[in-house]
Amino acid sequence: MRISARSTTDRLLAHIQEATTRLNETQERVASGRRINRPSDDPFATARAMAARSTLDLVTQRTRTVDLARTELGVVESALTALGSVMTRAQELSVQADSSGLDSGARQQIATEVSEMLNEVLSIATTSHAGRQVFGGHQGGPAFAPDVPANPTAFTYQGDTGQVLREIGEGERIAVNIPGEPLFDGIFASLIAFRDGLLANDRTAMNAASSQIGAEIDTVLTARGEVGARVRRLDMAWVRLEEEEVALKTAISGLEEVDITAEVVELQMRDTAFQAALAATGRSLGVSLLDFLR
């Protein structure tokens, strides 16, 4: 069978075109550092990488939520720490006030300090973060209000009992607030009773208030323990999400990025093949032209 010069030329040019295409593909991978520059490069790997990126976006969002929740619980924890200090001081004063050596004037001075403590507790109970009172329930509105600001005899809870929940995992949510009513009602009542007992110079009333103050200190400690447990849970969630993020980024890198060393070697080989194809085609076309001229 006789092979025409035209068919030989077409075949040689096809080889050059194929070598050019492969060389360009390798050059693009080396230049971009990516194995997949368009979906058609590897449809299966592209689909897997897209799924991994979608999961990574979700993990990133949850990591931000965990950071937000840690900040919010940090505010609550700091408020509870301050509250515990106030109640500890109140307990110290209750022991001091029970001394038989104190007269009514000294107890009235202690009552003045207890009145200031009530103001401080109210300030803690209305702690705000990001425009929301942290002890006001789900709505985050005003938590407590005194009946008489200058000399309160009662404090009214104006919030709700709802929880502020943050999603930190699949089907996993955590509360970042403590409802204020069960925490502060007893504290306000015990301090008011202690103040009034001091003003009346009534040791029986003072001792009863002292017992209430001790019980409320336990309430604060319980709340602090609960918040601390939530913070530790968030810390564990953050570590888990960080590990998942690293694993996903590694998987995406394995799907999309290239081994530069291997690709440079491949580029050199394909460049050599391309140059060889050009040289072979040049020689073949030159011989064909001489045959035609003869």
Protein backbone atom coordinates (compact mmCIF):
# COMPACT_ATOMS: atom_id res chain seq x y z
CA MET A 1 0.00 0.00 0.00
CA ARG A 2 1.38 3.34 -1.05
CA ILE A 3 1.41 6.05 1.61
CA SER A 4 0.95 9.51 0.19
CA ALA A 5 3.09 12.47 1.21
CA ARG A 6 -0.08 14.22 2.36
CA SER A 7 -1.03 11.46 4.81
CA THR A 8 2.51 11.35 6.16
CA THR A 9 2.47 15.11 6.67
CA ASP A 10 -0.92 14.99 8.39
CA ARG A 11 0.25 12.24 10.71
CA LEU A 12 3.42 14.13 11.61
CA LEU A 13 1.50 17.33 12.25
CA ALA A 14 -0.95 15.40 14.44
CA HIS A 15 1.99 14.13 16.50
CA ILE A 16 3.26 17.69 16.88
CA GLN A 17 -0.21 18.90 17.90
CA GLU A 18 -0.51 16.13 20.49
CA ALA A 19 2.97 16.87 21.86
CA THR A 20 2.12 20.58 21.99
CA THR A 21 -1.11 19.89 23.88
CA ARG A 22 0.62 17.69 26.47
CA LEU A 23 3.43 20.22 26.87
CA ASN A 24 0.94 23.07 27.39
CA GLU A 25 -1.00 21.03 29.97
CA THR A 26 2.16 20.33 31.94
CA GLN A 27 3.31 23.95 31.68
CA GLU A 28 -0.08 25.10 33.02
CA ARG A 29 0.10 22.71 35.98
CA VAL A 30 3.62 23.83 36.84
CA ALA A 31 2.71 27.51 36.52
CA SER A 32 -0.50 27.24 38.59
CA GLY A 33 0.69 24.60 41.05
CA ARG A 34 -2.69 22.88 40.55
CA ARG A 35 -3.47 19.52 39.07
CA ILE A 36 -7.03 20.59 38.28
CA ASN A 37 -7.39 23.92 36.51
CA ARG A 38 -10.80 23.19 35.02
CA PRO A 39 -13.44 20.53 35.79
CA SER A 40 -12.67 18.65 32.58
CA ASP A 41 -9.13 17.95 33.81
CA ASP A 42 -10.51 15.36 36.27
CA PRO A 43 -14.31 15.39 36.73
CA PHE A 44 -14.27 12.81 39.55
CA ALA A 45 -11.56 14.60 41.54
CA THR A 46 -13.32 17.92 40.91
CA ALA A 47 -16.55 16.58 42.40
CA ARG A 48 -14.71 15.25 45.45
CA ALA A 49 -12.86 18.54 45.91
CA MET A 50 -16.11 20.51 45.67
CA ALA A 51 -17.72 18.29 48.31
CA ALA A 52 -14.67 18.69 50.56
CA ARG A 53 -14.74 22.48 50.14
CA SER A 54 -18.43 22.57 51.04
CA THR A 55 -17.70 20.62 54.22
CA LEU A 56 -14.72 22.90 54.92
CA ASP A 57 -16.97 25.97 54.67
CA LEU A 58 -19.30 24.39 57.22
CA VAL A 59 -16.39 23.57 59.54
CA THR A 60 -15.08 27.13 59.22
CA GLN A 61 -18.51 28.53 60.10
CA ARG A 62 -18.75 26.27 63.13
CA THR A 63 -15.27 27.27 64.24
CA ARG A 64 -16.38 30.92 64.15
CA THR A 65 -19.49 29.95 66.13
CA VAL A 66 -17.34 28.19 68.74
CA ASP A 67 -15.15 31.29 69.04
CA LEU A 68 -18.27 33.44 69.45
CA ALA A 69 -19.67 31.08 72.09
CA ARG A 70 -16.37 31.10 74.00
CA THR A 71 -16.45 34.90 74.07
CA GLU A 72 -20.07 34.96 75.23
CA LEU A 73 -19.50 32.40 77.97
CA GLY A 74 -16.34 34.27 78.93
CA VAL A 75 -18.48 37.33 79.66
CA VAL A 76 -20.85 35.23 81.78
CA GLU A 77 -17.95 33.58 83.58
CA SER A 78 -16.37 36.95 84.42
CA ALA A 79 -19.70 38.24 85.73
CA LEU A 80 -20.12 35.16 87.93
CA THR A 81 -16.59 35.59 89.26
CA ALA A 82 -17.38 39.19 90.23
CA LEU A 83 -20.67 38.06 91.75
CA GLY A 84 -18.88 35.42 93.81
CA SER A 85 -16.50 38.06 95.16
CA VAL A 86 -19.40 40.29 96.22
CA MET A 87 -21.16 37.44 98.01
CA THR A 88 -17.97 36.34 99.73
CA ARG A 89 -17.53 39.87 101.03
CA ALA A 90 -21.16 39.87 102.19
CA GLN A 91 -20.52 36.67 104.12
CA GLU A 92 -17.46 38.22 105.76
CA LEU A 93 -19.57 41.23 106.79
CA SER A 94 -22.27 38.97 108.18
CA VAL A 95 -19.73 37.32 110.47
CA GLN A 96 -18.38 40.73 111.48
CA ALA A 97 -21.85 42.13 112.12
CA ASP A 98 -22.76 39.26 114.46
CA SER A 99 -20.10 40.37 116.95
CA SER A 100 -21.59 41.36 120.30
CA GLY A 101 -19.07 44.17 120.50
CA LEU A 102 -20.71 46.14 117.66
CA ASP A 103 -23.29 48.81 118.38
CA SER A 104 -26.10 49.98 116.12
CA GLY A 105 -23.95 52.73 114.63
CA ALA A 106 -21.30 50.27 113.46
CA ARG A 107 -23.98 48.02 111.99
CA GLN A 108 -25.47 50.96 110.09
CA GLN A 109 -22.05 51.56 108.55
CA ILE A 110 -22.01 47.92 107.42
CA ALA A 111 -25.54 48.40 106.08
CA THR A 112 -24.23 51.26 103.92
CA GLU A 113 -21.65 48.92 102.40
CA VAL A 114 -24.33 46.27 101.81
CA SER A 115 -26.42 48.89 100.00
CA GLU A 116 -23.48 49.50 97.69
CA MET A 117 -23.24 45.74 97.19
CA LEU A 118 -26.84 45.70 96.01
CA ASN A 119 -25.95 48.31 93.39
CA GLU A 120 -22.94 46.24 92.35
CA VAL A 121 -25.02 43.06 92.08
CA LEU A 122 -27.57 44.95 89.97
CA SER A 123 -24.74 46.09 87.69
CA ILE A 124 -23.58 42.48 87.33
CA ALA A 125 -27.13 41.23 86.77
CA THR A 126 -27.54 43.70 83.87
CA THR A 127 -24.20 42.88 82.24
CA SER A 128 -24.40 43.46 78.48
CA HIS A 129 -22.47 41.96 75.58
CA ALA A 130 -23.03 42.80 71.92
CA GLY A 131 -26.20 44.70 72.76
CA ARG A 132 -27.74 41.85 74.78
CA GLN A 133 -28.01 41.50 78.55
CA VAL A 134 -26.47 38.11 79.23
CA PHE A 135 -28.77 37.32 82.17
CA GLY A 136 -31.94 38.54 80.42
CA GLY A 137 -32.85 35.24 78.80
CA HIS A 138 -33.30 34.50 75.11
CA GLN A 139 -34.45 37.97 74.13
CA GLY A 140 -31.53 39.64 75.92
CA GLY A 141 -33.58 42.61 77.02
CA PRO A 142 -33.41 44.36 80.41
CA ALA A 143 -32.95 41.73 83.10
CA PHE A 144 -33.70 43.36 86.47
CA ALA A 145 -35.17 46.61 87.75
CA PRO A 146 -35.35 47.85 91.38
CA ASP A 147 -38.65 49.05 92.81
CA VAL A 148 -36.97 52.09 94.39
CA PRO A 149 -33.58 52.88 92.80
CA ALA A 150 -32.27 54.86 95.76
CA ASN A 151 -33.26 52.30 98.40
CA PRO A 152 -34.59 49.12 96.76
CA THR A 153 -36.73 46.68 98.70
CA ALA A 154 -37.21 44.30 95.76
CA PHE A 155 -35.91 43.62 92.26
CA THR A 156 -38.19 42.53 89.43
CA TYR A 157 -36.93 40.14 86.74
CA GLN A 158 -37.93 41.48 83.34
CA GLY A 159 -36.28 38.88 81.13
CA ASP A 160 -37.38 35.39 80.11
CA THR A 161 -36.23 31.85 80.83
CA GLY A 162 -35.13 31.06 77.27
CA GLN A 163 -31.67 29.84 76.28
CA VAL A 164 -29.35 31.35 73.69
CA LEU A 165 -28.06 28.35 71.74
CA ARG A 166 -25.07 28.12 69.38
CA GLU A 167 -24.63 25.21 66.97
CA ILE A 168 -21.11 23.81 67.32
CA GLY A 169 -21.54 20.48 65.54
CA GLU A 170 -23.95 18.22 63.70
CA GLY A 171 -27.02 18.25 65.95
CA GLU A 172 -24.88 19.68 68.77
CA ARG A 173 -25.83 22.97 70.37
CA ILE A 174 -24.69 24.71 73.52
CA ALA A 175 -26.28 27.41 75.68
CA VAL A 176 -24.20 30.56 76.14
CA ASN A 177 -26.36 32.23 78.77
CA ILE A 178 -27.60 31.66 82.33
CA PRO A 179 -31.21 32.67 83.07
CA GLY A 180 -31.01 35.49 85.59
CA GLU A 181 -34.11 34.93 87.70
CA PRO A 182 -33.12 31.70 89.52
CA LEU A 183 -29.58 33.01 89.98
CA PHE A 184 -30.20 36.54 91.27
CA ASP A 185 -33.57 36.47 93.02
CA GLY A 186 -32.18 34.77 96.11
CA ILE A 187 -29.07 36.93 96.10
CA PHE A 188 -31.07 40.17 96.04
CA ALA A 189 -33.40 38.87 98.74
CA SER A 190 -30.57 37.78 101.05
CA LEU A 191 -28.70 41.08 100.74
CA ILE A 192 -31.87 43.13 101.30
CA ALA A 193 -32.68 41.04 104.37
CA PHE A 194 -29.13 41.49 105.66
CA ARG A 195 -29.22 45.24 105.12
CA ASP A 196 -32.59 45.60 106.83
CA GLY A 197 -31.44 43.47 109.77
CA LEU A 198 -28.39 45.67 110.15
CA LEU A 199 -30.47 48.85 110.08
CA ALA A 200 -32.83 47.41 112.67
CA ASN A 201 -29.88 46.15 114.77
CA ASP A 202 -31.66 42.77 114.78
CA ARG A 203 -29.09 39.98 115.25
CA THR A 204 -31.69 37.25 114.67
CA ALA A 205 -32.58 38.74 111.27
CA MET A 206 -28.90 39.22 110.46
CA ASN A 207 -28.11 35.57 111.28
CA ALA A 208 -30.99 34.36 109.13
CA ALA A 209 -29.74 36.52 106.25
CA SER A 210 -26.23 35.20 106.81
CA SER A 211 -27.47 31.64 106.27
CA GLN A 212 -29.21 32.74 103.08
CA ILE A 213 -26.03 34.42 101.85
CA GLY A 214 -24.11 31.17 102.40
CA ALA A 215 -26.69 29.26 100.38
CA GLU A 216 -26.51 31.82 97.57
CA ILE A 217 -22.73 31.50 97.45
CA ASP A 218 -23.30 27.81 96.70
CA THR A 219 -25.73 28.81 93.94
CA VAL A 220 -23.08 31.04 92.36
CA LEU A 221 -20.47 28.28 92.62
CA THR A 222 -22.85 25.84 90.93
CA ALA A 223 -23.45 28.31 88.10
CA ARG A 224 -19.71 28.86 87.69
CA GLY A 225 -19.15 25.13 87.55
CA GLU A 226 -21.82 24.75 84.86
CA VAL A 227 -20.34 27.55 82.76
CA GLY A 228 -16.85 26.10 83.21
CA ALA A 229 -18.08 22.72 81.95
CA ARG A 230 -19.54 24.41 78.87
CA VAL A 231 -16.28 26.24 78.21
CA ARG A 232 -14.37 22.95 78.39
CA ARG A 233 -16.87 21.44 75.97
CA LEU A 234 -16.26 24.33 73.59
CA ASP A 235 -12.50 23.84 73.90
CA MET A 236 -12.89 20.18 72.90
CA ALA A 237 -15.17 21.14 70.00
CA TRP A 238 -12.62 23.69 68.81
CA VAL A 239 -9.83 21.07 68.82
CA ARG A 240 -12.06 18.63 66.94
CA LEU A 241 -13.00 21.23 64.34
CA GLU A 242 -9.37 22.30 63.93
CA GLU A 243 -8.34 18.68 63.26
CA GLU A 244 -11.20 18.28 60.79
CA GLU A 245 -10.19 21.49 59.03
CA VAL A 246 -6.60 20.27 58.65
CA ALA A 247 -7.79 16.90 57.31
CA LEU A 248 -10.09 18.55 54.76
CA LYS A 249 -7.42 20.98 53.58
CA THR A 250 -4.99 18.08 53.18
CA ALA A 251 -7.56 16.12 51.17
CA ILE A 252 -8.28 19.10 48.91
CA SER A 253 -4.58 19.70 48.43
CA GLY A 254 -4.09 16.06 47.45
CA LEU A 255 -6.88 16.33 44.89
CA GLU A 256 -6.03 19.70 43.37
CA GLU A 257 -2.36 20.48 43.89
CA VAL A 258 0.58 18.98 42.05
CA ASP A 259 3.88 17.49 43.05
CA ILE A 260 6.05 20.28 41.64
CA THR A 261 9.19 18.14 41.48
CA ALA A 262 7.42 15.41 39.54
CA GLU A 263 5.73 17.90 37.24
CA VAL A 264 9.03 19.68 36.45
CA VAL A 265 10.53 16.33 35.47
CA GLU A 266 7.45 15.62 33.37
CA LEU A 267 7.75 19.07 31.76
CA GLN A 268 11.34 18.40 30.78
CA MET A 269 10.41 15.03 29.29
CA ARG A 270 7.52 16.46 27.30
CA ASP A 271 9.60 19.39 26.09
CA THR A 272 12.22 16.91 24.89
CA ALA A 273 9.52 14.87 23.15
CA PHE A 274 8.13 18.00 21.54
CA GLN A 275 11.54 19.07 20.27
CA ALA A 276 12.14 15.57 18.91
CA ALA A 277 8.80 15.61 17.13
CA LEU A 278 9.62 18.96 15.55
CA ALA A 279 13.01 17.73 14.42
CA ALA A 280 11.62 14.48 12.99
CA THR A 281 8.86 16.32 11.19
CA GLY A 282 11.31 18.85 9.77
CA ARG A 283 13.54 16.08 8.38
CA SER A 284 10.62 14.14 6.93
CA LEU A 285 9.05 17.16 5.30
CA GLY A 286 12.43 18.17 3.86
CA VAL A 287 12.93 14.75 2.25
CA SER A 288 9.40 14.74 0.83
CA LEU A 289 9.98 18.12 -0.81
CA LEU A 290 13.24 16.95 -2.44
CA ASP A 291 11.46 13.86 -3.79
CA PHE A 292 8.81 16.11 -5.31
CA LEU A 293 11.40 18.37 -6.93
CA ARG A 294 13.17 15.42 -8.56
